[in-house]
Amino acid sequence: MGVTGPIRVVVAKPGLDGHDRGAKVIARALRDAGMEVIYTGLHQTPEQIVDTAIQEDADAIGLSILSGAHNTLFAKVIELLKERDAEDIKVFGGGIIPEADIAPLKEQGVAEIFTPGATTASIVEWVNANVRQLTA
């Protein structure tokens, strides 16, 4: 029996980054596309983000990082998902992430990275195509 209902996405701002406008725009775009979105707010630890994703039975975690700590924070979220046997939760993200860091992040398990200029439509399209499909 497949999972039914809308795709559930946790949108999170890990670390000390205090700029959340982009995360809120993405959260709204995903919601407007029919997904259930849980926005965790600012200054979340990787542990808090993973706990929320598991508690909310999320299909994906979208991380927004502008602070430059993307390598550390993405890696910690991926590590915690593995430790909690929750690797089925896809992790994607965006923000100010240098091109040279994208391939290593994907090798660690980050499903997709969206850099400045990515449209909300392209992000919604990617989530719909790459996160669990609706079976309702």
N, C-alpha and C. Protein backbone atom coordinates (compact mmCIF):
# COMPACT_ATOMS: atom_id res chain seq x y z
N MET A 1 0.84 -1.18 0.00
CA MET A 1 0.00 0.00 0.00
C MET A 1 0.88 1.24 0.00
N GLY A 2 0.68 2.13 -0.95
CA GLY A 2 1.49 3.33 -1.05
C GLY A 2 1.02 4.42 -0.09
N VAL A 3 1.88 5.37 0.12
CA VAL A 3 1.55 6.50 0.97
C VAL A 3 0.62 7.43 0.19
N THR A 4 -0.40 7.93 0.86
CA THR A 4 -1.34 8.81 0.19
C THR A 4 -1.25 10.21 0.77
N GLY A 5 -1.87 11.14 0.08
CA GLY A 5 -1.91 12.51 0.56
C GLY A 5 -0.81 13.35 -0.05
N PRO A 6 -0.82 14.62 0.31
CA PRO A 6 0.16 15.53 -0.28
C PRO A 6 1.58 15.26 0.21
N ILE A 7 2.52 15.67 -0.61
CA ILE A 7 3.93 15.62 -0.23
C ILE A 7 4.11 16.55 0.98
N ARG A 8 4.86 16.06 1.97
CA ARG A 8 5.11 16.84 3.20
C ARG A 8 6.58 17.28 3.21
N VAL A 9 6.81 18.57 3.32
CA VAL A 9 8.16 19.13 3.27
C VAL A 9 8.41 19.99 4.50
N VAL A 10 9.52 19.72 5.18
CA VAL A 10 9.99 20.59 6.26
C VAL A 10 10.94 21.58 5.61
N VAL A 11 10.66 22.88 5.77
CA VAL A 11 11.54 23.93 5.29
C VAL A 11 12.22 24.52 6.53
N ALA A 12 13.56 24.54 6.50
CA ALA A 12 14.30 24.90 7.71
C ALA A 12 15.45 25.85 7.42
N LYS A 13 15.75 26.65 8.42
CA LYS A 13 16.89 27.58 8.41
C LYS A 13 17.87 27.13 9.49
N PRO A 14 18.84 26.30 9.13
CA PRO A 14 19.78 25.82 10.15
C PRO A 14 20.84 26.84 10.51
N GLY A 15 21.35 26.72 11.71
CA GLY A 15 22.47 27.54 12.13
C GLY A 15 22.09 28.95 12.50
N LEU A 16 23.06 29.84 12.40
CA LEU A 16 22.89 31.21 12.87
C LEU A 16 22.40 32.18 11.82
N ASP A 17 22.14 31.69 10.64
CA ASP A 17 21.65 32.52 9.54
C ASP A 17 20.31 33.14 9.93
N GLY A 18 20.21 34.46 9.83
CA GLY A 18 19.00 35.16 10.23
C GLY A 18 18.16 35.66 9.08
N HIS A 19 18.47 35.27 7.86
CA HIS A 19 17.74 35.76 6.70
C HIS A 19 16.79 34.67 6.21
N ASP A 20 15.49 34.89 6.37
CA ASP A 20 14.55 33.83 6.04
C ASP A 20 13.54 34.17 4.95
N ARG A 21 13.73 35.28 4.27
CA ARG A 21 12.77 35.65 3.23
C ARG A 21 12.68 34.58 2.15
N GLY A 22 13.81 34.10 1.66
CA GLY A 22 13.81 33.08 0.62
C GLY A 22 13.13 31.80 1.08
N ALA A 23 13.40 31.38 2.31
CA ALA A 23 12.78 30.17 2.84
C ALA A 23 11.26 30.33 2.90
N LYS A 24 10.81 31.50 3.29
CA LYS A 24 9.36 31.75 3.36
C LYS A 24 8.73 31.76 1.97
N VAL A 25 9.44 32.31 0.99
CA VAL A 25 8.94 32.32 -0.39
C VAL A 25 8.81 30.87 -0.90
N ILE A 26 9.82 30.05 -0.63
CA ILE A 26 9.78 28.65 -1.07
C ILE A 26 8.68 27.90 -0.34
N ALA A 27 8.56 28.13 0.96
CA ALA A 27 7.51 27.46 1.73
C ALA A 27 6.13 27.79 1.16
N ARG A 28 5.91 29.04 0.83
CA ARG A 28 4.62 29.44 0.28
C ARG A 28 4.40 28.83 -1.11
N ALA A 29 5.44 28.80 -1.94
CA ALA A 29 5.31 28.22 -3.29
C ALA A 29 4.97 26.74 -3.20
N LEU A 30 5.62 26.02 -2.31
CA LEU A 30 5.34 24.60 -2.14
C LEU A 30 3.91 24.40 -1.63
N ARG A 31 3.52 25.22 -0.68
CA ARG A 31 2.16 25.13 -0.14
C ARG A 31 1.13 25.43 -1.23
N ASP A 32 1.37 26.48 -2.00
CA ASP A 32 0.44 26.84 -3.07
C ASP A 32 0.35 25.76 -4.15
N ALA A 33 1.39 24.92 -4.24
CA ALA A 33 1.40 23.81 -5.20
C ALA A 33 0.72 22.56 -4.62
N GLY A 34 0.15 22.68 -3.44
CA GLY A 34 -0.61 21.57 -2.86
C GLY A 34 0.16 20.71 -1.87
N MET A 35 1.35 21.11 -1.51
CA MET A 35 2.13 20.33 -0.55
C MET A 35 1.84 20.82 0.86
N GLU A 36 2.07 19.94 1.83
CA GLU A 36 2.00 20.33 3.23
C GLU A 36 3.40 20.78 3.62
N VAL A 37 3.49 21.98 4.16
CA VAL A 37 4.80 22.55 4.49
C VAL A 37 4.85 22.86 5.98
N ILE A 38 5.93 22.43 6.61
CA ILE A 38 6.20 22.73 8.00
C ILE A 38 7.43 23.63 8.00
N TYR A 39 7.24 24.90 8.36
CA TYR A 39 8.38 25.83 8.41
C TYR A 39 8.86 25.91 9.85
N THR A 40 10.13 25.61 10.07
CA THR A 40 10.64 25.51 11.43
C THR A 40 11.09 26.83 12.03
N GLY A 41 11.23 27.86 11.21
CA GLY A 41 11.71 29.13 11.74
C GLY A 41 13.23 29.21 11.72
N LEU A 42 13.73 30.30 12.26
CA LEU A 42 15.17 30.59 12.26
C LEU A 42 15.93 29.82 13.34
N HIS A 43 17.22 29.71 13.11
CA HIS A 43 18.20 29.25 14.11
C HIS A 43 17.94 27.83 14.61
N GLN A 44 17.62 26.93 13.69
CA GLN A 44 17.37 25.55 14.06
C GLN A 44 18.67 24.74 14.01
N THR A 45 18.82 23.83 14.95
CA THR A 45 19.96 22.92 14.90
C THR A 45 19.63 21.77 13.95
N PRO A 46 20.63 21.11 13.42
CA PRO A 46 20.35 19.92 12.60
C PRO A 46 19.50 18.89 13.35
N GLU A 47 19.76 18.73 14.64
CA GLU A 47 18.98 17.79 15.46
C GLU A 47 17.51 18.18 15.50
N GLN A 48 17.23 19.47 15.68
CA GLN A 48 15.84 19.93 15.71
C GLN A 48 15.16 19.70 14.36
N ILE A 49 15.88 19.95 13.30
CA ILE A 49 15.32 19.79 11.95
C ILE A 49 14.98 18.34 11.69
N VAL A 50 15.90 17.43 11.99
CA VAL A 50 15.66 16.00 11.76
C VAL A 50 14.54 15.50 12.67
N ASP A 51 14.53 15.92 13.93
CA ASP A 51 13.44 15.53 14.83
C ASP A 51 12.09 15.97 14.27
N THR A 52 12.01 17.20 13.79
CA THR A 52 10.76 17.71 13.23
C THR A 52 10.35 16.90 12.02
N ALA A 53 11.29 16.62 11.13
CA ALA A 53 10.98 15.86 9.92
C ALA A 53 10.44 14.48 10.25
N ILE A 54 11.03 13.82 11.23
CA ILE A 54 10.57 12.49 11.62
C ILE A 54 9.21 12.57 12.30
N GLN A 55 9.06 13.51 13.22
CA GLN A 55 7.78 13.66 13.93
C GLN A 55 6.64 14.01 12.99
N GLU A 56 6.94 14.80 11.98
CA GLU A 56 5.91 15.25 11.03
C GLU A 56 5.73 14.29 9.85
N ASP A 57 6.46 13.18 9.87
CA ASP A 57 6.39 12.19 8.79
C ASP A 57 6.64 12.86 7.44
N ALA A 58 7.67 13.68 7.39
CA ALA A 58 8.00 14.44 6.18
C ALA A 58 8.60 13.54 5.11
N ASP A 59 8.35 13.94 3.88
CA ASP A 59 8.94 13.26 2.73
C ASP A 59 10.26 13.90 2.33
N ALA A 60 10.44 15.17 2.70
CA ALA A 60 11.64 15.90 2.31
C ALA A 60 11.94 17.00 3.31
N ILE A 61 13.21 17.40 3.32
CA ILE A 61 13.67 18.56 4.09
C ILE A 61 14.30 19.52 3.09
N GLY A 62 13.84 20.76 3.12
CA GLY A 62 14.44 21.81 2.31
C GLY A 62 15.20 22.76 3.22
N LEU A 63 16.50 22.83 3.04
CA LEU A 63 17.34 23.69 3.86
C LEU A 63 17.71 24.96 3.11
N SER A 64 17.60 26.08 3.77
CA SER A 64 18.00 27.36 3.20
C SER A 64 19.18 27.87 4.00
N ILE A 65 20.32 28.03 3.31
CA ILE A 65 21.54 28.43 4.01
C ILE A 65 22.23 29.56 3.26
N LEU A 66 22.39 30.67 3.93
CA LEU A 66 23.09 31.81 3.36
C LEU A 66 24.36 32.13 4.14
N SER A 67 24.61 31.43 5.23
CA SER A 67 25.68 31.78 6.16
C SER A 67 27.06 31.29 5.75
N GLY A 68 27.14 30.41 4.76
CA GLY A 68 28.42 29.84 4.39
C GLY A 68 28.74 28.55 5.12
N ALA A 69 27.85 28.10 5.98
CA ALA A 69 28.07 26.87 6.75
C ALA A 69 27.40 25.67 6.10
N HIS A 70 27.12 25.75 4.81
CA HIS A 70 26.38 24.71 4.12
C HIS A 70 27.06 23.34 4.18
N ASN A 71 28.37 23.29 4.02
CA ASN A 71 29.06 22.00 4.03
C ASN A 71 28.86 21.28 5.36
N THR A 72 29.00 22.00 6.45
CA THR A 72 28.85 21.42 7.78
C THR A 72 27.40 21.07 8.09
N LEU A 73 26.49 21.99 7.81
CA LEU A 73 25.09 21.80 8.19
C LEU A 73 24.39 20.73 7.35
N PHE A 74 24.61 20.73 6.05
CA PHE A 74 24.03 19.68 5.22
C PHE A 74 24.54 18.32 5.66
N ALA A 75 25.85 18.21 5.88
CA ALA A 75 26.46 16.94 6.28
C ALA A 75 25.86 16.43 7.59
N LYS A 76 25.65 17.31 8.53
CA LYS A 76 25.10 16.91 9.83
C LYS A 76 23.66 16.42 9.69
N VAL A 77 22.86 17.10 8.89
CA VAL A 77 21.47 16.66 8.68
C VAL A 77 21.46 15.27 8.03
N ILE A 78 22.28 15.07 7.01
CA ILE A 78 22.35 13.77 6.33
C ILE A 78 22.81 12.69 7.32
N GLU A 79 23.83 12.99 8.11
CA GLU A 79 24.34 12.04 9.11
C GLU A 79 23.25 11.66 10.11
N LEU A 80 22.51 12.64 10.60
CA LEU A 80 21.46 12.37 11.58
C LEU A 80 20.32 11.55 10.98
N LEU A 81 19.98 11.81 9.73
CA LEU A 81 18.94 11.00 9.08
C LEU A 81 19.39 9.54 8.99
N LYS A 82 20.66 9.33 8.66
CA LYS A 82 21.19 7.96 8.60
C LYS A 82 21.13 7.30 9.98
N GLU A 83 21.56 8.02 11.01
CA GLU A 83 21.55 7.49 12.37
C GLU A 83 20.14 7.13 12.83
N ARG A 84 19.16 7.89 12.37
CA ARG A 84 17.76 7.68 12.80
C ARG A 84 16.99 6.77 11.84
N ASP A 85 17.71 6.14 10.92
CA ASP A 85 17.12 5.24 9.92
C ASP A 85 15.99 5.94 9.17
N ALA A 86 16.27 7.17 8.75
CA ALA A 86 15.28 7.99 8.05
C ALA A 86 15.84 8.50 6.72
N GLU A 87 16.66 7.69 6.07
CA GLU A 87 17.28 8.10 4.82
C GLU A 87 16.30 8.24 3.67
N ASP A 88 15.05 7.79 3.90
CA ASP A 88 14.04 7.96 2.87
C ASP A 88 13.56 9.41 2.77
N ILE A 89 13.91 10.23 3.74
CA ILE A 89 13.57 11.66 3.70
C ILE A 89 14.61 12.35 2.82
N LYS A 90 14.17 12.87 1.69
CA LYS A 90 15.10 13.54 0.76
C LYS A 90 15.48 14.91 1.30
N VAL A 91 16.73 15.27 1.10
CA VAL A 91 17.23 16.59 1.52
C VAL A 91 17.60 17.37 0.27
N PHE A 92 17.04 18.58 0.18
CA PHE A 92 17.43 19.50 -0.87
C PHE A 92 17.64 20.85 -0.23
N GLY A 93 18.27 21.75 -0.96
CA GLY A 93 18.54 23.04 -0.34
C GLY A 93 18.88 24.11 -1.33
N GLY A 94 19.06 25.26 -0.77
CA GLY A 94 19.40 26.40 -1.59
C GLY A 94 20.02 27.49 -0.77
N GLY A 95 20.48 28.49 -1.49
CA GLY A 95 21.11 29.63 -0.83
C GLY A 95 22.38 30.02 -1.56
N ILE A 96 23.24 30.66 -0.83
CA ILE A 96 24.52 31.12 -1.39
C ILE A 96 25.51 29.96 -1.26
N ILE A 97 25.53 29.11 -2.27
CA ILE A 97 26.38 27.92 -2.24
C ILE A 97 27.26 27.95 -3.48
N PRO A 98 28.57 28.03 -3.29
CA PRO A 98 29.48 28.08 -4.45
C PRO A 98 29.34 26.85 -5.34
N GLU A 99 29.46 27.07 -6.62
CA GLU A 99 29.36 26.00 -7.62
C GLU A 99 30.29 24.83 -7.26
N ALA A 100 31.49 25.12 -6.77
CA ALA A 100 32.46 24.07 -6.44
C ALA A 100 32.00 23.19 -5.30
N ASP A 101 31.07 23.64 -4.48
CA ASP A 101 30.60 22.85 -3.34
C ASP A 101 29.40 21.97 -3.68
N ILE A 102 28.77 22.18 -4.82
CA ILE A 102 27.53 21.46 -5.14
C ILE A 102 27.78 19.97 -5.35
N ALA A 103 28.75 19.61 -6.17
CA ALA A 103 29.02 18.18 -6.43
C ALA A 103 29.37 17.43 -5.14
N PRO A 104 30.26 17.95 -4.28
CA PRO A 104 30.55 17.25 -3.03
C PRO A 104 29.31 17.11 -2.13
N LEU A 105 28.45 18.11 -2.11
CA LEU A 105 27.23 18.01 -1.31
C LEU A 105 26.33 16.90 -1.84
N LYS A 106 26.22 16.80 -3.16
CA LYS A 106 25.39 15.75 -3.75
C LYS A 106 26.00 14.37 -3.47
N GLU A 107 27.32 14.27 -3.48
CA GLU A 107 27.98 13.00 -3.17
C GLU A 107 27.69 12.57 -1.74
N GLN A 108 27.50 13.53 -0.84
CA GLN A 108 27.18 13.23 0.56
C GLN A 108 25.73 12.80 0.74
N GLY A 109 24.88 13.06 -0.26
CA GLY A 109 23.50 12.65 -0.15
C GLY A 109 22.47 13.75 -0.31
N VAL A 110 22.90 14.98 -0.55
CA VAL A 110 21.95 16.05 -0.81
C VAL A 110 21.38 15.83 -2.20
N ALA A 111 20.06 15.77 -2.31
CA ALA A 111 19.43 15.41 -3.59
C ALA A 111 19.53 16.51 -4.64
N GLU A 112 19.40 17.77 -4.21
CA GLU A 112 19.47 18.87 -5.17
C GLU A 112 19.83 20.16 -4.44
N ILE A 113 20.51 21.04 -5.18
CA ILE A 113 20.87 22.37 -4.68
C ILE A 113 20.33 23.41 -5.65
N PHE A 114 19.67 24.41 -5.10
CA PHE A 114 19.15 25.52 -5.90
C PHE A 114 19.91 26.77 -5.50
N THR A 115 20.50 27.42 -6.48
CA THR A 115 21.29 28.62 -6.23
C THR A 115 20.45 29.86 -6.55
N PRO A 116 20.94 31.04 -6.19
CA PRO A 116 20.18 32.26 -6.48
C PRO A 116 19.80 32.32 -7.96
N GLY A 117 18.58 32.72 -8.19
CA GLY A 117 18.07 32.79 -9.55
C GLY A 117 17.16 31.63 -9.90
N ALA A 118 17.20 30.56 -9.09
CA ALA A 118 16.27 29.44 -9.33
C ALA A 118 14.85 29.94 -9.12
N THR A 119 13.96 29.56 -9.99
CA THR A 119 12.58 30.02 -9.85
C THR A 119 11.82 29.11 -8.89
N THR A 120 10.78 29.68 -8.30
CA THR A 120 9.93 28.85 -7.43
C THR A 120 9.30 27.74 -8.25
N ALA A 121 8.94 28.02 -9.49
CA ALA A 121 8.34 27.01 -10.35
C ALA A 121 9.30 25.83 -10.56
N SER A 122 10.59 26.11 -10.75
CA SER A 122 11.55 25.03 -10.97
C SER A 122 11.73 24.19 -9.70
N ILE A 123 11.65 24.83 -8.56
CA ILE A 123 11.79 24.10 -7.29
C ILE A 123 10.56 23.22 -7.06
N VAL A 124 9.38 23.77 -7.27
CA VAL A 124 8.14 22.99 -7.14
C VAL A 124 8.17 21.81 -8.11
N GLU A 125 8.58 22.06 -9.34
CA GLU A 125 8.65 21.00 -10.34
C GLU A 125 9.60 19.90 -9.90
N TRP A 126 10.77 20.29 -9.38
CA TRP A 126 11.74 19.30 -8.93
C TRP A 126 11.17 18.46 -7.78
N VAL A 127 10.56 19.11 -6.81
CA VAL A 127 9.98 18.38 -5.67
C VAL A 127 8.92 17.41 -6.17
N ASN A 128 8.04 17.87 -7.02
CA ASN A 128 6.99 16.99 -7.55
C ASN A 128 7.58 15.80 -8.31
N ALA A 129 8.67 16.00 -9.02
CA ALA A 129 9.26 14.93 -9.84
C ALA A 129 10.17 13.99 -9.03
N ASN A 130 10.70 14.46 -7.91
CA ASN A 130 11.75 13.69 -7.23
C ASN A 130 11.43 13.24 -5.81
N VAL A 131 10.39 13.79 -5.23
CA VAL A 131 9.96 13.35 -3.91
C VAL A 131 8.78 12.42 -4.15
N ARG A 132 8.43 11.62 -3.19
CA ARG A 132 7.40 10.58 -3.41
C ARG A 132 6.22 11.09 -4.22
N GLN A 133 5.73 10.23 -5.03
CA GLN A 133 4.61 10.60 -5.90
C GLN A 133 3.29 10.39 -5.17
N LEU A 134 2.33 11.23 -5.46
CA LEU A 134 1.01 11.10 -4.88
C LEU A 134 0.36 9.80 -5.38
N THR A 135 -0.27 9.09 -4.47
CA THR A 135 -0.97 7.88 -4.85
C THR A 135 -2.42 7.93 -4.42
N ALA A 136 -2.88 9.12 -4.06
CA ALA A 136 -4.25 9.28 -3.59
C ALA A 136 -5.18 9.00 -4.73
